[in-house]
Amino acid sequence: MKINRIRTILSAIDRGITLIDTAPVYGFGKSEEIVGKALEWAGVRQRVLLATRSGSTGRTASRFATPPGLESSPRSKLRLKGQTDFIDIYQVHWPDR
């Protein structure tokens, strides 16, 4: 089943999709693993903008909570199988009031 998901991602890229949006909470990290494997197999990292976010499990966007949230980027990069040195767009999932 994972191979079908990878094929879907690669088909989307081949058809002109340029943004892949993921988050640590999607599939408990499995989404990032599948995206990473697709990028690895096809060598297409340079063709896409990669987006992820912090605060996916609660309202954690205060100026005190955001820096620890930023630490999730290395974990996301690990799940992305080392296919990226950077994340193009880093979003706040649930902003605080």
Protein backbone atom coordinates (compact mmCIF):
# COMPACT_ATOMS: atom_id res chain seq x y z
CA MET A 1 0.00 0.00 0.00
CA LYS A 2 2.89 2.40 0.74
CA ILE A 3 4.10 2.03 -2.88
CA ASN A 4 0.71 3.29 -4.13
CA ARG A 5 1.06 6.40 -1.96
CA ILE A 6 4.55 7.02 -3.30
CA ARG A 7 3.32 6.58 -6.88
CA THR A 8 0.53 9.07 -6.20
CA ILE A 9 2.99 11.68 -4.92
CA LEU A 10 5.31 11.17 -7.89
CA SER A 11 2.40 11.29 -10.34
CA ALA A 12 1.26 14.59 -8.82
CA ILE A 13 4.77 16.05 -9.19
CA ASP A 14 4.98 14.81 -12.79
CA ARG A 15 1.67 16.58 -13.47
CA GLY A 16 2.93 19.90 -12.13
CA ILE A 17 2.15 19.88 -8.42
CA THR A 18 4.90 21.91 -6.74
CA LEU A 19 3.82 22.04 -3.07
CA ILE A 20 3.83 19.10 -0.68
CA ASP A 21 2.26 19.93 2.67
CA THR A 22 2.79 17.58 5.57
CA ALA A 23 2.91 17.68 9.36
CA PRO A 24 4.21 15.50 12.19
CA VAL A 25 0.63 14.76 13.21
CA TYR A 26 -0.44 13.35 9.82
CA GLY A 27 -0.41 9.60 10.31
CA PHE A 28 1.75 10.03 13.43
CA GLY A 29 4.74 10.88 11.20
CA LYS A 30 4.01 8.29 8.50
CA SER A 31 3.07 11.01 6.01
CA GLU A 32 6.54 12.52 6.30
CA GLU A 33 8.15 9.10 5.91
CA ILE A 34 6.22 8.42 2.71
CA VAL A 35 6.99 11.86 1.28
CA GLY A 36 10.66 11.35 2.13
CA LYS A 37 10.73 7.96 0.42
CA ALA A 38 9.07 9.41 -2.71
CA LEU A 39 11.63 12.23 -2.86
CA GLU A 40 14.44 9.72 -2.35
CA TRP A 41 13.30 7.31 -5.07
CA ALA A 42 12.69 9.97 -7.69
CA GLY A 43 15.30 12.59 -6.76
CA VAL A 44 12.78 15.39 -7.16
CA ARG A 45 13.34 17.44 -3.99
CA GLN A 46 14.45 20.45 -6.03
CA ARG A 47 11.12 20.44 -7.90
CA VAL A 48 8.86 20.91 -4.87
CA LEU A 49 8.22 23.30 -2.01
CA LEU A 50 8.03 21.34 1.21
CA ALA A 51 5.78 22.62 3.99
CA THR A 52 5.30 21.40 7.56
CA ARG A 53 4.16 22.97 10.81
CA SER A 54 4.40 23.17 14.56
CA GLY A 55 1.63 23.19 17.11
CA SER A 56 -0.29 20.39 15.43
CA THR A 57 -1.48 18.85 18.68
CA GLY A 58 -2.61 21.93 20.57
CA ARG A 59 -2.50 25.68 20.77
CA THR A 60 1.24 26.12 21.15
CA ALA A 61 2.11 29.22 19.15
CA SER A 62 2.88 31.62 21.95
CA ARG A 63 6.30 33.25 21.92
CA PHE A 64 7.22 30.88 24.77
CA ALA A 65 6.00 27.68 23.07
CA THR A 66 7.10 28.33 19.50
CA PRO A 67 10.89 27.83 19.94
CA PRO A 68 10.45 24.27 21.28
CA GLY A 69 8.05 23.66 18.39
CA LEU A 70 10.77 24.67 15.98
CA GLU A 71 12.84 21.81 17.32
CA SER A 72 10.44 19.43 15.57
CA SER A 73 12.03 20.38 12.25
CA PRO A 74 15.01 18.05 12.74
CA ARG A 75 12.62 15.21 13.64
CA SER A 76 10.59 16.00 10.53
CA LYS A 77 13.75 16.00 8.44
CA LEU A 78 14.65 12.61 9.89
CA ARG A 79 11.23 11.23 8.97
CA LEU A 80 11.68 12.77 5.54
CA LYS A 81 14.60 10.33 5.26
CA GLY A 82 17.26 13.00 5.06
CA GLN A 83 16.02 14.11 1.65
CA THR A 84 16.12 17.74 2.63
CA ASP A 85 18.43 20.11 4.46
CA PHE A 86 15.61 22.56 4.93
CA ILE A 87 11.87 23.00 5.04
CA ASP A 88 10.65 25.68 2.63
CA ILE A 89 7.54 26.72 4.57
CA TYR A 90 7.25 26.30 8.35
CA GLN A 91 3.74 27.11 9.57
CA VAL A 92 1.96 27.46 12.88
CA HIS A 93 -0.91 24.98 12.93
CA TRP A 94 -2.95 26.43 15.80
CA PRO A 95 -2.20 30.08 16.62
CA ASP A 96 -2.72 31.26 20.19
CA ARG A 97 -4.94 34.22 20.83
